[in-house]
């Protein structure tokens, strides 16, 4: 079981990799003997009309959007960004990558095993066979995705610094795949920054005030001085960074932590959770263009073995034993790339 700081948990919890190629089958050698003559000629079936194949959807093609043009789409002032040169990903302090470069490939999953099998490109039967004791308990914890050791991809990343003075955040630097264009890198880094502070580790804007007539669990309202005060600005910001579907999960949707109140105010429900104490770094698979025009890849959250971990501060090095895969998806729009699926790595 994962070890988390004992803080109130109020967050919903990760896209895709190709299935492993089927084993090739060698053709049997042709016989050198002449075949026996047949008594009757083979009957050739009447030709039938082949069914018309269903055409594959043609992905929408959009022109690249510059970083400044993308930022200007939001009525809410967007952050400033600086980008490092591409570099190899670095583990956290005290952490060393595995010497042979391999780990167990795992996932924590809060949907069905069939959906997990489809997402990670393996059959449901194989997934169940690798996890005979896997049982639903509000989710599947630590399911194995590959029987053999998984070789980590040390693909280049770019470190993006997200600067927004009004944002109360302890995280400002985020590694993202180097092969993404700058606008996509900025959108992904902004999503990380927002989710760490306002949708992942905690929800709610500060300062806030109690609502006299709360709507169910929405008991608080963002007050002057908060990072977001007007719902229209929050909505504009979210639709600049996220897809419409993802934006509605954060604000306005049926289970979203933020909703619109009177006079363009933001109502929210409070919540906090701790980070994963076993976390020790993030890697990414290479983004792949999908038939629908989206980009998909895995975020690999490197973690220590929870059976042998005795706490930080001891004698190093700390070497990750597991990589937890979460799918990441970016979708193209006329206004640039939008984040459609993303979970925090820890």
C-alpha atoms as a PDB file:
ATOM      1  CA  UNK A   1       0.000   0.000   0.000  1.00  0.00           C
ATOM      2  CA  UNK A   2       1.254   3.495  -0.822  1.00  0.00           C
ATOM      3  CA  UNK A   3       2.355   5.732   2.006  1.00  0.00           C
ATOM      4  CA  UNK A   4       0.766   9.196   1.981  1.00  0.00           C
ATOM      5  CA  UNK A   5       0.986  12.013   4.487  1.00  0.00           C
ATOM      6  CA  UNK A   6      -2.098  11.740   6.745  1.00  0.00           C
ATOM      7  CA  UNK A   7      -3.990  14.650   5.253  1.00  0.00           C
ATOM      8  CA  UNK A   8      -7.637  14.775   4.188  1.00  0.00           C
ATOM      9  CA  UNK A   9      -7.986  13.292   0.749  1.00  0.00           C
ATOM     10  CA  UNK A  10     -10.464  14.933  -1.567  1.00  0.00           C
ATOM     11  CA  UNK A  11      -9.150  14.451  -5.053  1.00  0.00           C
ATOM     12  CA  UNK A  12     -10.095  12.285  -7.890  1.00  0.00           C
ATOM     13  CA  UNK A  13      -7.299  10.679  -9.194  1.00  0.00           C
ATOM     14  CA  UNK A  14      -4.453   8.938 -15.528  1.00  0.00           C
ATOM     15  CA  UNK A  15      -2.496   7.696 -22.628  1.00  0.00           C
ATOM     16  CA  UNK A  16      -1.782   5.514 -24.622  1.00  0.00           C
ATOM     17  CA  UNK A  17       0.967   3.237 -25.929  1.00  0.00           C
ATOM     18  CA  UNK A  18       0.796   0.773 -28.760  1.00  0.00           C
ATOM     19  CA  UNK A  19       0.327  -2.873 -27.918  1.00  0.00           C
ATOM     20  CA  UNK A  20       3.384  -5.059 -28.011  1.00  0.00           C
ATOM     21  CA  UNK A  21       3.827  -6.520 -31.500  1.00  0.00           C
ATOM     22  CA  UNK A  22       2.693 -10.091 -31.922  1.00  0.00           C
ATOM     23  CA  UNK A  23       5.417 -12.711 -32.095  1.00  0.00           C
ATOM     24  CA  UNK A  24       6.367 -13.433 -35.688  1.00  0.00           C
ATOM     25  CA  UNK A  25       5.643 -16.935 -36.939  1.00  0.00           C
ATOM     26  CA  UNK A  26       8.126 -18.564 -39.303  1.00  0.00           C
ATOM     27  CA  UNK A  27       6.586 -19.992 -42.477  1.00  0.00           C
ATOM     28  CA  UNK A  28       6.814 -23.784 -42.882  1.00  0.00           C
ATOM     29  CA  UNK A  29       9.317 -24.876 -45.565  1.00  0.00           C
ATOM     30  CA  UNK A  30       7.759 -25.761 -48.884  1.00  0.00           C
ATOM     31  CA  UNK A  31       7.643 -29.462 -49.756  1.00  0.00           C
ATOM     32  CA  UNK A  32      10.078 -30.608 -52.453  1.00  0.00           C
ATOM     33  CA  UNK A  33       7.777 -33.451 -53.604  1.00  0.00           C
ATOM     34  CA  UNK A  34       5.256 -32.943 -56.373  1.00  0.00           C
ATOM     35  CA  UNK A  35       1.682 -32.872 -55.101  1.00  0.00           C
ATOM     36  CA  UNK A  36      -0.704 -35.727 -55.820  1.00  0.00           C
ATOM     37  CA  UNK A  37      -3.022 -34.915 -58.717  1.00  0.00           C
ATOM     38  CA  UNK A  38      -6.603 -34.253 -57.644  1.00  0.00           C
ATOM     39  CA  UNK A  39      -9.445 -36.203 -59.132  1.00  0.00           C
ATOM     40  CA  UNK A  40     -11.682 -33.177 -59.565  1.00  0.00           C
ATOM     41  CA  UNK A  41     -10.736 -29.574 -60.248  1.00  0.00           C
ATOM     42  CA  UNK A  42     -11.051 -27.091 -57.461  1.00  0.00           C
ATOM     43  CA  UNK A  43     -14.189 -24.995 -57.624  1.00  0.00           C
ATOM     44  CA  UNK A  44     -13.560 -21.281 -57.725  1.00  0.00           C
ATOM     45  CA  UNK A  45     -16.218 -19.453 -55.701  1.00  0.00           C
ATOM     46  CA  UNK A  46     -18.192 -16.746 -57.363  1.00  0.00           C
ATOM     47  CA  UNK A  47     -16.675 -13.351 -56.658  1.00  0.00           C
ATOM     48  CA  UNK A  48     -18.594 -11.379 -54.078  1.00  0.00           C
ATOM     49  CA  UNK A  49     -18.653  -7.651 -53.680  1.00  0.00           C
ATOM     50  CA  UNK A  50     -16.205  -6.609 -50.968  1.00  0.00           C
ATOM     51  CA  UNK A  51     -17.731  -4.523 -48.186  1.00  0.00           C
ATOM     52  CA  UNK A  52     -16.944  -0.870 -48.350  1.00  0.00           C
ATOM     53  CA  UNK A  53     -14.363  -0.140 -45.644  1.00  0.00           C
ATOM     54  CA  UNK A  54     -15.239   2.476 -43.080  1.00  0.00           C
ATOM     55  CA  UNK A  55     -13.016   5.453 -43.781  1.00  0.00           C
ATOM     56  CA  UNK A  56     -10.704   6.522 -40.989  1.00  0.00           C
ATOM     57  CA  UNK A  57     -11.529   9.937 -39.566  1.00  0.00           C
ATOM     58  CA  UNK A  58      -9.447  12.693 -41.026  1.00  0.00           C
ATOM     59  CA  UNK A  59      -7.803  14.633 -38.216  1.00  0.00           C
ATOM     60  CA  UNK A  60      -8.289  18.376 -38.182  1.00  0.00           C
ATOM     61  CA  UNK A  61      -5.179  20.244 -39.250  1.00  0.00           C
ATOM     62  CA  UNK A  62      -4.409  23.533 -37.544  1.00  0.00           C
ATOM     63  CA  UNK A  63      -1.626  26.018 -38.017  1.00  0.00           C
ATOM     64  CA  UNK A  64       0.774  26.302 -35.075  1.00  0.00           C
ATOM     65  CA  UNK A  65      -0.131  28.981 -32.547  1.00  0.00           C
ATOM     66  CA  UNK A  66       2.598  31.176 -31.073  1.00  0.00           C
ATOM     67  CA  UNK A  67       3.070  31.396 -27.332  1.00  0.00           C
ATOM     68  CA  UNK A  68       1.970  35.055 -27.216  1.00  0.00           C
ATOM     69  CA  UNK A  69      -1.104  34.473 -29.375  1.00  0.00           C
ATOM     70  CA  UNK A  70      -2.101  31.577 -27.138  1.00  0.00           C
ATOM     71  CA  UNK A  71      -1.688  33.641 -23.957  1.00  0.00           C
ATOM     72  CA  UNK A  72      -3.742  36.496 -25.407  1.00  0.00           C
ATOM     73  CA  UNK A  73      -6.796  34.242 -25.781  1.00  0.00           C
ATOM     74  CA  UNK A  74      -7.424  34.361 -22.019  1.00  0.00           C
ATOM     75  CA  UNK A  75      -9.088  37.347 -20.362  1.00  0.00           C
ATOM     76  CA  UNK A  76      -7.282  36.248 -17.202  1.00  0.00           C
ATOM     77  CA  UNK A  77      -3.608  37.370 -17.219  1.00  0.00           C
ATOM     78  CA  UNK A  78      -1.580  34.288 -18.093  1.00  0.00           C
ATOM     79  CA  UNK A  79       1.757  33.474 -16.398  1.00  0.00           C
ATOM     80  CA  UNK A  80       5.174  34.326 -17.798  1.00  0.00           C
ATOM     81  CA  UNK A  81       7.377  31.452 -18.962  1.00  0.00           C
ATOM     82  CA  UNK A  82      11.051  30.679 -19.330  1.00  0.00           C
ATOM     83  CA  UNK A  83      12.319  27.549 -21.058  1.00  0.00           C
ATOM     84  CA  UNK A  84      15.559  25.696 -20.470  1.00  0.00           C
ATOM     85  CA  UNK A  85      17.509  23.992 -23.213  1.00  0.00           C
ATOM     86  CA  UNK A  86      16.591  20.326 -23.790  1.00  0.00           C
ATOM     87  CA  UNK A  87      18.314  18.027 -21.306  1.00  0.00           C
ATOM     88  CA  UNK A  88      18.164  14.543 -19.886  1.00  0.00           C
ATOM     89  CA  UNK A  89      15.720  14.139 -16.974  1.00  0.00           C
ATOM     90  CA  UNK A  90      17.282  14.314 -13.544  1.00  0.00           C
ATOM     91  CA  UNK A  91      16.142  12.382 -10.471  1.00  0.00           C
ATOM     92  CA  UNK A  92      15.357  14.116  -7.231  1.00  0.00           C
ATOM     93  CA  UNK A  93      18.077  14.817  -4.686  1.00  0.00           C
ATOM     94  CA  UNK A  94      19.357  11.621  -3.033  1.00  0.00           C
ATOM     95  CA  UNK A  95      17.807   9.528  -5.819  1.00  0.00           C
ATOM     96  CA  UNK A  96      19.766   7.521  -8.400  1.00  0.00           C
ATOM     97  CA  UNK A  97      18.278   5.985 -11.530  1.00  0.00           C
ATOM     98  CA  UNK A  98      18.385   2.146 -11.582  1.00  0.00           C
ATOM     99  CA  UNK A  99      21.784   0.888 -12.744  1.00  0.00           C
ATOM    100  CA  UNK A 100      20.283  -1.435 -15.365  1.00  0.00           C
ATOM    101  CA  UNK A 101      17.604   1.098 -16.290  1.00  0.00           C
ATOM    102  CA  UNK A 102      14.692  -1.212 -15.543  1.00  0.00           C
ATOM    103  CA  UNK A 103      11.783  -1.133 -13.088  1.00  0.00           C
ATOM    104  CA  UNK A 104       8.387  -2.746 -12.595  1.00  0.00           C
ATOM    105  CA  UNK A 105       5.737  -1.079 -14.761  1.00  0.00           C
ATOM    106  CA  UNK A 106       2.594  -0.440 -12.721  1.00  0.00           C
ATOM    107  CA  UNK A 107      -0.524   1.709 -12.547  1.00  0.00           C
ATOM    108  CA  UNK A 108      -3.051   2.862 -10.010  1.00  0.00           C
ATOM    109  CA  UNK A 109      -6.411   2.852 -11.738  1.00  0.00           C
ATOM    110  CA  UNK A 110      -9.866   4.067 -10.718  1.00  0.00           C
ATOM    111  CA  UNK A 111     -11.829   2.657 -13.646  1.00  0.00           C
ATOM    112  CA  UNK A 112     -12.522  -0.861 -14.891  1.00  0.00           C
ATOM    113  CA  UNK A 113      -9.844  -3.391 -15.749  1.00  0.00           C
ATOM    114  CA  UNK A 114     -11.217  -3.479 -19.291  1.00  0.00           C
ATOM    115  CA  UNK A 115     -10.578   0.269 -19.632  1.00  0.00           C
ATOM    116  CA  UNK A 116      -7.111  -0.167 -18.157  1.00  0.00           C
ATOM    117  CA  UNK A 117      -6.368  -2.911 -20.688  1.00  0.00           C
ATOM    118  CA  UNK A 118      -7.517  -0.691 -23.560  1.00  0.00           C
ATOM    119  CA  UNK A 119      -5.565   2.320 -22.293  1.00  0.00           C
ATOM    120  CA  UNK A 120      -2.297   0.459 -21.784  1.00  0.00           C
ATOM    121  CA  UNK A 121      -2.559  -1.774 -24.842  1.00  0.00           C
ATOM    122  CA  UNK A 122      -2.861  -5.224 -23.260  1.00  0.00           C
ATOM    123  CA  UNK A 123      -5.707  -7.713 -23.052  1.00  0.00           C
ATOM    124  CA  UNK A 124      -7.969  -7.795 -20.004  1.00  0.00           C
ATOM    125  CA  UNK A 125      -7.219 -11.514 -19.618  1.00  0.00           C
ATOM    126  CA  UNK A 126      -3.466 -10.880 -19.547  1.00  0.00           C
ATOM    127  CA  UNK A 127      -3.926  -8.016 -17.109  1.00  0.00           C
ATOM    128  CA  UNK A 128      -5.987 -10.217 -14.779  1.00  0.00           C
ATOM    129  CA  UNK A 129      -3.462 -13.045 -15.050  1.00  0.00           C
ATOM    130  CA  UNK A 130      -0.610 -10.733 -14.030  1.00  0.00           C
ATOM    131  CA  UNK A 131      -2.669  -9.486 -11.074  1.00  0.00           C
ATOM    132  CA  UNK A 132      -4.486 -12.534  -9.653  1.00  0.00           C
ATOM    133  CA  UNK A 133      -5.143 -10.838  -6.316  1.00  0.00           C
ATOM    134  CA  UNK A 134      -6.293  -7.562  -7.878  1.00  0.00           C
ATOM    135  CA  UNK A 135      -9.595  -6.509  -6.323  1.00  0.00           C
ATOM    136  CA  UNK A 136     -11.748  -3.412  -6.646  1.00  0.00           C
ATOM    137  CA  UNK A 137     -11.673  -1.168  -3.585  1.00  0.00           C
ATOM    138  CA  UNK A 138     -12.718   2.155  -5.024  1.00  0.00           C
ATOM    139  CA  UNK A 139      -9.905   1.637  -7.526  1.00  0.00           C
ATOM    140  CA  UNK A 140      -7.107  -0.753  -8.389  1.00  0.00           C
ATOM    141  CA  UNK A 141      -3.910  -0.077  -6.500  1.00  0.00           C
ATOM    142  CA  UNK A 142      -0.512  -1.095  -7.862  1.00  0.00           C
ATOM    143  CA  UNK A 143      -1.608  -3.243 -10.784  1.00  0.00           C
ATOM    144  CA  UNK A 144       1.251  -4.718 -12.808  1.00  0.00           C
ATOM    145  CA  UNK A 145       1.224  -3.761 -16.500  1.00  0.00           C
ATOM    146  CA  UNK A 146       4.143  -5.847 -17.738  1.00  0.00           C
ATOM    147  CA  UNK A 147       5.451  -9.180 -16.495  1.00  0.00           C
ATOM    148  CA  UNK A 148       9.053  -8.577 -17.548  1.00  0.00           C
ATOM    149  CA  UNK A 149      11.167  -5.618 -16.347  1.00  0.00           C
ATOM    150  CA  UNK A 150      10.365  -2.336 -18.080  1.00  0.00           C
ATOM    151  CA  UNK A 151      13.204  -0.309 -19.602  1.00  0.00           C
ATOM    152  CA  UNK A 152      12.905   3.348 -18.654  1.00  0.00           C
ATOM    153  CA  UNK A 153      12.887   5.953 -21.463  1.00  0.00           C
ATOM    154  CA  UNK A 154      15.322   8.773 -20.673  1.00  0.00           C
ATOM    155  CA  UNK A 155      13.862  11.084 -23.326  1.00  0.00           C
ATOM    156  CA  UNK A 156      14.927  14.725 -23.318  1.00  0.00           C
ATOM    157  CA  UNK A 157      12.842  17.204 -21.348  1.00  0.00           C
ATOM    158  CA  UNK A 158      12.622  20.975 -21.100  1.00  0.00           C
ATOM    159  CA  UNK A 159      12.258  22.668 -17.716  1.00  0.00           C
ATOM    160  CA  UNK A 160       9.548  25.333 -17.881  1.00  0.00           C
ATOM    161  CA  UNK A 161       9.417  27.986 -15.164  1.00  0.00           C
ATOM    162  CA  UNK A 162       5.875  29.268 -14.613  1.00  0.00           C
ATOM    163  CA  UNK A 163       5.783  32.734 -13.033  1.00  0.00           C
ATOM    164  CA  UNK A 164       2.494  34.165 -11.767  1.00  0.00           C
ATOM    165  CA  UNK A 165       2.921  36.432  -8.702  1.00  0.00           C
ATOM    166  CA  UNK A 166      -0.668  35.984  -7.481  1.00  0.00           C
ATOM    167  CA  UNK A 167      -0.395  32.214  -7.493  1.00  0.00           C
ATOM    168  CA  UNK A 168       0.431  30.852  -4.065  1.00  0.00           C
ATOM    169  CA  UNK A 169       2.432  27.819  -5.155  1.00  0.00           C
ATOM    170  CA  UNK A 170       5.508  26.030  -3.869  1.00  0.00           C
ATOM    171  CA  UNK A 171       6.124  24.580  -7.335  1.00  0.00           C
ATOM    172  CA  UNK A 172       7.162  26.772 -10.261  1.00  0.00           C
ATOM    173  CA  UNK A 173       9.468  24.547 -12.377  1.00  0.00           C
ATOM    174  CA  UNK A 174       8.150  21.615 -14.362  1.00  0.00           C
ATOM    175  CA  UNK A 175       9.796  19.179 -16.772  1.00  0.00           C
ATOM    176  CA  UNK A 176       7.830  18.484 -19.963  1.00  0.00           C
ATOM    177  CA  UNK A 177       8.753  16.542 -23.137  1.00  0.00           C
ATOM    178  CA  UNK A 178      11.299  18.438 -25.217  1.00  0.00           C
ATOM    179  CA  UNK A 179       9.693  17.345 -28.499  1.00  0.00           C
ATOM    180  CA  UNK A 180       6.540  19.397 -27.840  1.00  0.00           C
ATOM    181  CA  UNK A 181       6.384  22.881 -29.307  1.00  0.00           C
ATOM    182  CA  UNK A 182       6.661  25.859 -26.943  1.00  0.00           C
ATOM    183  CA  UNK A 183       2.933  26.518 -26.776  1.00  0.00           C
ATOM    184  CA  UNK A 184       2.211  22.879 -25.886  1.00  0.00           C
ATOM    185  CA  UNK A 185       5.052  22.920 -23.329  1.00  0.00           C
ATOM    186  CA  UNK A 186       3.608  26.075 -21.736  1.00  0.00           C
ATOM    187  CA  UNK A 187       0.077  24.650 -21.630  1.00  0.00           C
ATOM    188  CA  UNK A 188       1.281  21.432 -19.991  1.00  0.00           C
ATOM    189  CA  UNK A 189       3.483  23.273 -17.455  1.00  0.00           C
ATOM    190  CA  UNK A 190       0.588  25.631 -16.638  1.00  0.00           C
ATOM    191  CA  UNK A 191      -1.686  22.657 -16.034  1.00  0.00           C
ATOM    192  CA  UNK A 192       0.888  21.178 -13.648  1.00  0.00           C
ATOM    193  CA  UNK A 193       1.219  24.502 -11.796  1.00  0.00           C
ATOM    194  CA  UNK A 194      -2.549  24.977 -11.491  1.00  0.00           C
ATOM    195  CA  UNK A 195      -3.247  21.400 -10.446  1.00  0.00           C
ATOM    196  CA  UNK A 196      -0.517  21.329  -7.806  1.00  0.00           C
ATOM    197  CA  UNK A 197      -2.009  24.369  -6.122  1.00  0.00           C
ATOM    198  CA  UNK A 198      -5.712  24.486  -6.936  1.00  0.00           C
ATOM    199  CA  UNK A 199      -6.895  21.104  -8.203  1.00  0.00           C
ATOM    200  CA  UNK A 200      -4.446  18.370  -7.206  1.00  0.00           C
ATOM    201  CA  UNK A 201      -2.965  18.750  -3.749  1.00  0.00           C
ATOM    202  CA  UNK A 202      -5.758  21.073  -2.641  1.00  0.00           C
ATOM    203  CA  UNK A 203      -8.832  22.914  -3.869  1.00  0.00           C
ATOM    204  CA  UNK A 204      -9.947  26.426  -3.037  1.00  0.00           C
ATOM    205  CA  UNK A 205      -8.687  29.991  -3.471  1.00  0.00           C
ATOM    206  CA  UNK A 206      -7.239  32.140  -0.716  1.00  0.00           C
ATOM    207  CA  UNK A 207      -8.269  34.442   0.774  1.00  0.00           C
ATOM    208  CA  UNK A 208     -11.816  33.134   0.893  1.00  0.00           C
ATOM    209  CA  UNK A 209     -14.972  33.740   2.881  1.00  0.00           C
ATOM    210  CA  UNK A 210     -17.867  31.647   4.098  1.00  0.00           C
ATOM    211  CA  UNK A 211     -21.077  31.687   2.102  1.00  0.00           C
ATOM    212  CA  UNK A 212     -24.237  32.641   4.008  1.00  0.00           C
ATOM    213  CA  UNK A 213     -26.403  30.358   1.872  1.00  0.00           C
ATOM    214  CA  UNK A 214     -24.098  27.524   0.729  1.00  0.00           C
ATOM    215  CA  UNK A 215     -25.015  25.312  -2.204  1.00  0.00           C
ATOM    216  CA  UNK A 216     -24.433  21.840  -0.815  1.00  0.00           C
ATOM    217  CA  UNK A 217     -20.699  21.346  -0.258  1.00  0.00           C
ATOM    218  CA  UNK A 218     -19.855  24.677  -1.879  1.00  0.00           C
ATOM    219  CA  UNK A 219     -19.437  26.601   1.347  1.00  0.00           C
ATOM    220  CA  UNK A 220     -16.725  29.134   0.440  1.00  0.00           C
ATOM    221  CA  UNK A 221     -16.278  32.051  -1.948  1.00  0.00           C
ATOM    222  CA  UNK A 222     -13.056  33.482  -3.380  1.00  0.00           C
ATOM    223  CA  UNK A 223     -12.399  36.929  -1.895  1.00  0.00           C
ATOM    224  CA  UNK A 224     -10.444  39.967  -3.086  1.00  0.00           C
ATOM    225  CA  UNK A 225      -6.730  39.186  -3.266  1.00  0.00           C
ATOM    226  CA  UNK A 226      -7.211  35.552  -4.296  1.00  0.00           C
ATOM    227  CA  UNK A 227      -5.543  34.210  -7.441  1.00  0.00           C
ATOM    228  CA  UNK A 228      -8.982  33.931  -9.050  1.00  0.00           C
ATOM    229  CA  UNK A 229     -11.963  36.032  -7.916  1.00  0.00           C
ATOM    230  CA  UNK A 230     -14.250  36.223 -10.957  1.00  0.00           C
ATOM    231  CA  UNK A 231     -15.723  33.036 -12.360  1.00  0.00           C
ATOM    232  CA  UNK A 232     -15.565  34.416 -15.913  1.00  0.00           C
ATOM    233  CA  UNK A 233     -11.787  34.806 -15.572  1.00  0.00           C
ATOM    234  CA  UNK A 234     -11.364  31.302 -14.153  1.00  0.00           C
ATOM    235  CA  UNK A 235     -13.504  29.880 -16.963  1.00  0.00           C
ATOM    236  CA  UNK A 236     -11.510  31.755 -19.630  1.00  0.00           C
ATOM    237  CA  UNK A 237      -8.208  30.597 -18.136  1.00  0.00           C
ATOM    238  CA  UNK A 238      -9.306  26.951 -17.938  1.00  0.00           C
ATOM    239  CA  UNK A 239     -10.536  26.881 -21.536  1.00  0.00           C
ATOM    240  CA  UNK A 240      -7.211  28.373 -22.663  1.00  0.00           C
ATOM    241  CA  UNK A 241      -5.205  25.619 -20.950  1.00  0.00           C
ATOM    242  CA  UNK A 242      -7.567  22.623 -20.993  1.00  0.00           C
ATOM    243  CA  UNK A 243      -9.988  20.956 -23.376  1.00  0.00           C
ATOM    244  CA  UNK A 244     -13.657  21.780 -22.848  1.00  0.00           C
ATOM    245  CA  UNK A 245     -14.257  18.388 -21.211  1.00  0.00           C
ATOM    246  CA  UNK A 246     -11.352  18.709 -18.779  1.00  0.00           C
ATOM    247  CA  UNK A 247     -12.219  22.341 -17.974  1.00  0.00           C
ATOM    248  CA  UNK A 248     -15.740  21.300 -16.958  1.00  0.00           C
ATOM    249  CA  UNK A 249     -14.303  18.692 -14.577  1.00  0.00           C
ATOM    250  CA  UNK A 250     -12.532  21.504 -12.751  1.00  0.00           C
ATOM    251  CA  UNK A 251     -15.223  24.199 -12.863  1.00  0.00           C
ATOM    252  CA  UNK A 252     -18.886  24.119 -13.743  1.00  0.00           C
ATOM    253  CA  UNK A 253     -19.367  20.381 -14.168  1.00  0.00           C
ATOM    254  CA  UNK A 254     -21.622  18.254 -11.925  1.00  0.00           C
ATOM    255  CA  UNK A 255     -18.750  17.063  -9.680  1.00  0.00           C
ATOM    256  CA  UNK A 256     -16.393  20.001 -10.170  1.00  0.00           C
ATOM    257  CA  UNK A 257     -14.862  21.638  -7.063  1.00  0.00           C
ATOM    258  CA  UNK A 258     -15.595  25.132  -8.456  1.00  0.00           C
ATOM    259  CA  UNK A 259     -18.946  26.554  -9.591  1.00  0.00           C
ATOM    260  CA  UNK A 260     -20.281  29.975 -10.502  1.00  0.00           C
ATOM    261  CA  UNK A 261     -21.940  32.009  -7.765  1.00  0.00           C
ATOM    262  CA  UNK A 262     -23.873  35.264  -7.806  1.00  0.00           C
ATOM    263  CA  UNK A 263     -22.351  38.322  -9.460  1.00  0.00           C
ATOM    264  CA  UNK A 264     -19.627  36.341 -11.246  1.00  0.00           C
ATOM    265  CA  UNK A 265     -18.225  34.989  -7.978  1.00  0.00           C
ATOM    266  CA  UNK A 266     -16.476  31.633  -7.523  1.00  0.00           C
ATOM    267  CA  UNK A 267     -17.911  29.141  -5.065  1.00  0.00           C
ATOM    268  CA  UNK A 268     -15.805  26.160  -4.070  1.00  0.00           C
ATOM    269  CA  UNK A 269     -15.523  23.258  -1.718  1.00  0.00           C
ATOM    270  CA  UNK A 270     -12.368  22.928   0.347  1.00  0.00           C
ATOM    271  CA  UNK A 271     -10.031  19.943   0.253  1.00  0.00           C
ATOM    272  CA  UNK A 272      -6.417  18.891   0.709  1.00  0.00           C
ATOM    273  CA  UNK A 273      -4.318  15.776   0.359  1.00  0.00           C
ATOM    274  CA  UNK A 274      -0.736  14.834   0.983  1.00  0.00           C
ATOM    275  CA  UNK A 275       1.860  13.940  -1.605  1.00  0.00           C
ATOM    276  CA  UNK A 276       3.162  10.426  -2.200  1.00  0.00           C
ATOM    277  CA  UNK A 277       6.173   9.930   0.079  1.00  0.00           C
ATOM    278  CA  UNK A 278       7.561   7.227  -2.236  1.00  0.00           C
ATOM    279  CA  UNK A 279       7.813   9.561  -5.261  1.00  0.00           C
ATOM    280  CA  UNK A 280      11.309  10.247  -6.604  1.00  0.00           C
ATOM    281  CA  UNK A 281      11.083  11.599 -10.165  1.00  0.00           C
ATOM    282  CA  UNK A 282       9.201  11.705 -13.463  1.00  0.00           C
ATOM    283  CA  UNK A 283      10.002  10.470 -16.959  1.00  0.00           C
ATOM    284  CA  UNK A 284       7.977  10.609 -20.174  1.00  0.00           C
ATOM    285  CA  UNK A 285       7.545   8.348 -23.144  1.00  0.00           C
ATOM    286  CA  UNK A 286       7.868  10.121 -26.484  1.00  0.00           C
ATOM    287  CA  UNK A 287       4.644  11.919 -27.549  1.00  0.00           C
ATOM    288  CA  UNK A 288       2.979  10.183 -30.496  1.00  0.00           C
ATOM    289  CA  UNK A 289       0.582  11.754 -32.964  1.00  0.00           C
ATOM    290  CA  UNK A 290      -2.731   9.873 -33.022  1.00  0.00           C
ATOM    291  CA  UNK A 291      -5.134   9.427 -35.973  1.00  0.00           C
ATOM    292  CA  UNK A 292      -7.485  12.059 -34.514  1.00  0.00           C
ATOM    293  CA  UNK A 293      -4.674  14.619 -34.398  1.00  0.00           C
ATOM    294  CA  UNK A 294      -4.081  14.419 -30.638  1.00  0.00           C
ATOM    295  CA  UNK A 295      -0.737  13.778 -28.938  1.00  0.00           C
ATOM    296  CA  UNK A 296      -0.534  10.981 -26.405  1.00  0.00           C
ATOM    297  CA  UNK A 297       2.225   9.731 -24.134  1.00  0.00           C
ATOM    298  CA  UNK A 298       2.840   8.305 -20.685  1.00  0.00           C
ATOM    299  CA  UNK A 299       3.908  10.177 -17.601  1.00  0.00           C
ATOM    300  CA  UNK A 300       6.020   7.724 -15.597  1.00  0.00           C
ATOM    301  CA  UNK A 301       6.045   8.431 -11.883  1.00  0.00           C
ATOM    302  CA  UNK A 302       9.140   6.784 -10.381  1.00  0.00           C
ATOM    303  CA  UNK A 303       8.614   5.393  -6.896  1.00  0.00           C
ATOM    304  CA  UNK A 304      10.527   3.541  -4.223  1.00  0.00           C
ATOM    305  CA  UNK A 305       9.638   0.047  -3.037  1.00  0.00           C
ATOM    306  CA  UNK A 306       7.059   0.497  -0.280  1.00  0.00           C
ATOM    307  CA  UNK A 307       8.084  -2.824   1.291  1.00  0.00           C
ATOM    308  CA  UNK A 308      11.677  -1.765   1.940  1.00  0.00           C
ATOM    309  CA  UNK A 309      11.326   2.016   2.284  1.00  0.00           C
ATOM    310  CA  UNK A 310      12.183   3.182   5.814  1.00  0.00           C
ATOM    311  CA  UNK A 311      11.990   6.920   5.305  1.00  0.00           C
ATOM    312  CA  UNK A 312      14.039   9.717   3.788  1.00  0.00           C
ATOM    313  CA  UNK A 313      17.164  11.017   5.439  1.00  0.00           C
ATOM    314  CA  UNK A 314      19.034   7.740   5.677  1.00  0.00           C
ATOM    315  CA  UNK A 315      22.073   6.631   3.759  1.00  0.00           C
ATOM    316  CA  UNK A 316      21.537   6.819   0.008  1.00  0.00           C
ATOM    317  CA  UNK A 317      21.249   6.261  -2.735  1.00  0.00           C
ATOM    318  CA  UNK A 318      17.509   5.821  -3.072  1.00  0.00           C
ATOM    319  CA  UNK A 319      16.769   3.801  -6.217  1.00  0.00           C
ATOM    320  CA  UNK A 320      13.239   3.630  -7.677  1.00  0.00           C
ATOM    321  CA  UNK A 321      11.809   0.175  -8.174  1.00  0.00           C
ATOM    322  CA  UNK A 322       8.496   1.025  -9.842  1.00  0.00           C
ATOM    323  CA  UNK A 323       7.233   3.286 -12.601  1.00  0.00           C
ATOM    324  CA  UNK A 324       3.543   4.165 -12.363  1.00  0.00           C
ATOM    325  CA  UNK A 325       2.151   5.032 -15.788  1.00  0.00           C
ATOM    326  CA  UNK A 326      -0.470   7.733 -16.272  1.00  0.00           C
ATOM    327  CA  UNK A 327      -1.715   8.692 -19.730  1.00  0.00           C
ATOM    328  CA  UNK A 328      -1.265  12.290 -20.900  1.00  0.00           C
ATOM    329  CA  UNK A 329      -3.235  13.645 -23.833  1.00  0.00           C
ATOM    330  CA  UNK A 330      -3.073  16.974 -25.681  1.00  0.00           C
ATOM    331  CA  UNK A 331      -5.716  17.871 -28.259  1.00  0.00           C
ATOM    332  CA  UNK A 332      -5.316  20.374 -31.104  1.00  0.00           C
ATOM    333  CA  UNK A 333      -7.663  23.332 -31.531  1.00  0.00           C
ATOM    334  CA  UNK A 334      -7.665  26.410 -33.707  1.00  0.00           C
ATOM    335  CA  UNK A 335      -6.325  28.236 -30.650  1.00  0.00           C
ATOM    336  CA  UNK A 336      -3.444  25.835 -29.959  1.00  0.00           C
ATOM    337  CA  UNK A 337      -2.891  22.686 -27.928  1.00  0.00           C
ATOM    338  CA  UNK A 338      -5.137  21.984 -24.929  1.00  0.00           C
ATOM    339  CA  UNK A 339      -4.517  19.509 -22.087  1.00  0.00           C
ATOM    340  CA  UNK A 340      -7.187  16.820 -22.211  1.00  0.00           C
ATOM    341  CA  UNK A 341      -5.836  14.298 -19.671  1.00  0.00           C
ATOM    342  CA  UNK A 342      -3.275  14.767 -16.908  1.00  0.00           C
ATOM    343  CA  UNK A 343      -2.694  13.516 -13.362  1.00  0.00           C
ATOM    344  CA  UNK A 344      -0.108  14.804 -10.931  1.00  0.00           C
ATOM    345  CA  UNK A 345       2.825  12.394 -10.664  1.00  0.00           C
ATOM    346  CA  UNK A 346       2.761  12.358  -6.869  1.00  0.00           C
END
